Amino acid sequence: MVGDYTISRDGILFACGAIKRAVESRYDFVVIDEVGPLELCGKGLMPAVELALASPVNVLIVVRSSLKGALQRHFPEYEFVVVADLTQSPSNVSKLADCKSREVATYESPTEGC
């Protein structure tokens, strides 16, 4: 349990494995949806997030804007930017493809208030 949410251990293991395989296969672009409070405590997807960021692949991390500062403190060597705020401008999603190589980008999840 994380707050009101039940987290599937098998789901986390599956997602971490998928991220690891993408990194090992040197995919051009890996999307991690989403880094939340669980990951910022070092659990959940965080081992896979760290692996992806340490690799040469391009990574897009989805994070609520309220957690952007905590993510920045956890990874001070990266500059996090808001690429799109889907609660305000869903038409900006196409701009995600314009991310610079190795720049970690974030957008605000539409479930911000949950």
Protein backbone atom coordinates (compact mmCIF):
# COMPACT_ATOMS: atom_id res chain seq x y z
CA MET A 1 0.00 0.00 0.00
CA VAL A 2 1.14 3.52 -0.83
CA GLY A 3 -1.41 5.95 0.53
CA ASP A 4 -4.74 4.91 -0.98
CA TYR A 5 -3.06 2.81 -3.68
CA THR A 6 -2.15 -0.86 -3.77
CA ILE A 7 1.02 -1.47 -5.75
CA SER A 8 1.52 -4.79 -7.51
CA ARG A 9 4.95 -6.25 -6.79
CA ASP A 10 4.70 -8.26 -10.01
CA GLY A 11 3.79 -5.09 -11.91
CA ILE A 12 6.83 -3.26 -10.55
CA LEU A 13 9.10 -6.19 -11.42
CA PHE A 14 7.62 -6.34 -14.92
CA ALA A 15 8.09 -2.59 -15.48
CA CYS A 16 11.66 -2.64 -14.13
CA GLY A 17 12.46 -5.57 -16.42
CA ALA A 18 10.99 -3.76 -19.43
CA ILE A 19 13.07 -0.65 -18.71
CA LYS A 20 16.20 -2.76 -18.22
CA ARG A 21 15.62 -4.58 -21.53
CA ALA A 22 15.07 -1.26 -23.32
CA VAL A 23 18.33 0.10 -21.91
CA GLU A 24 20.27 -3.07 -22.75
CA SER A 25 18.83 -3.00 -26.29
CA ARG A 26 19.91 0.64 -26.56
CA TYR A 27 16.49 1.86 -27.61
CA ASP A 28 16.51 5.41 -28.95
CA PHE A 29 13.96 6.61 -26.43
CA VAL A 30 12.68 5.22 -23.11
CA VAL A 31 9.59 6.61 -21.37
CA ILE A 32 9.15 6.01 -17.66
CA ASP A 33 5.60 6.72 -16.49
CA GLU A 34 5.68 7.70 -13.71
CA VAL A 35 8.15 8.56 -10.96
CA GLY A 36 6.18 9.26 -7.82
CA PRO A 37 6.52 9.26 -4.04
CA LEU A 38 7.37 5.54 -3.96
CA GLU A 39 10.31 6.03 -6.32
CA LEU A 40 11.49 9.15 -4.51
CA CYS A 41 11.81 6.95 -1.41
CA GLY A 42 14.13 4.66 -3.40
CA LYS A 43 11.54 1.97 -4.05
CA GLY A 44 9.30 0.93 -6.94
CA LEU A 45 10.81 1.80 -10.32
CA MET A 46 13.77 3.74 -8.88
CA PRO A 47 16.44 1.08 -9.61
CA ALA A 48 15.32 1.05 -13.25
CA VAL A 49 15.15 4.87 -13.36
CA GLU A 50 18.74 5.06 -12.09
CA LEU A 51 19.84 2.45 -14.63
CA ALA A 52 18.17 4.31 -17.50
CA LEU A 53 19.62 7.68 -16.49
CA ALA A 54 23.12 6.19 -16.22
CA SER A 55 22.83 4.74 -19.73
CA PRO A 56 23.31 6.39 -23.12
CA VAL A 57 19.59 6.14 -24.02
CA ASN A 58 17.31 9.17 -24.17
CA VAL A 59 14.89 9.15 -21.25
CA LEU A 60 11.56 10.87 -20.73
CA ILE A 61 10.34 10.74 -17.14
CA VAL A 62 6.73 11.49 -16.29
CA VAL A 63 6.39 13.21 -12.92
CA ARG A 64 3.81 15.44 -11.30
CA SER A 65 4.97 19.04 -11.20
CA SER A 66 4.61 18.99 -7.41
CA LEU A 67 7.38 16.34 -7.29
CA LYS A 68 9.74 17.95 -9.81
CA GLY A 69 11.83 19.60 -7.08
CA ALA A 70 12.25 16.34 -5.17
CA LEU A 71 13.29 14.58 -8.38
CA GLN A 72 15.78 17.37 -9.11
CA ARG A 73 17.28 17.00 -5.62
CA HIS A 74 17.58 13.24 -6.12
CA PHE A 75 19.35 13.70 -9.48
CA PRO A 76 21.16 17.06 -9.25
CA GLU A 77 23.35 16.21 -12.26
CA TYR A 78 20.34 16.52 -14.59
CA GLU A 79 18.24 19.50 -15.54
CA PHE A 80 14.55 18.69 -15.45
CA VAL A 81 12.18 20.73 -17.57
CA VAL A 82 8.43 20.68 -18.04
CA VAL A 83 7.80 19.66 -21.62
CA ALA A 84 4.02 19.58 -21.43
CA ASP A 85 1.42 20.15 -18.75
CA LEU A 86 -1.36 17.87 -19.94
CA THR A 87 -3.83 19.43 -17.54
CA GLN A 88 -3.42 22.77 -19.32
CA SER A 89 -2.40 22.12 -22.91
CA PRO A 90 -2.79 18.57 -24.23
CA SER A 91 -1.96 19.77 -27.75
CA ASN A 92 1.67 20.24 -26.62
CA VAL A 93 2.26 16.48 -26.45
CA SER A 94 3.71 16.50 -29.97
CA LYS A 95 6.55 18.69 -28.69
CA LEU A 96 7.85 15.74 -26.64
CA ALA A 97 9.70 14.53 -29.73
CA ASP A 98 11.78 17.74 -29.66
CA CYS A 99 13.64 16.79 -26.45
CA LYS A 100 17.41 17.12 -26.64
CA SER A 101 19.52 14.03 -26.31
CA ARG A 102 20.14 13.04 -22.66
CA GLU A 103 17.89 15.81 -21.40
CA VAL A 104 15.42 14.46 -18.91
CA ALA A 105 11.96 15.91 -19.41
CA THR A 106 8.87 15.86 -17.27
CA TYR A 107 5.22 16.68 -17.59
CA GLU A 108 2.48 17.09 -15.07
CA SER A 109 0.25 14.07 -14.74
CA PRO A 110 -3.45 14.74 -15.26
CA THR A 111 -4.03 12.98 -11.91
CA GLU A 112 -2.25 15.76 -9.99
CA GLY A 113 -5.10 16.13 -7.51
CA CYS A 114 -5.38 12.40 -6.70
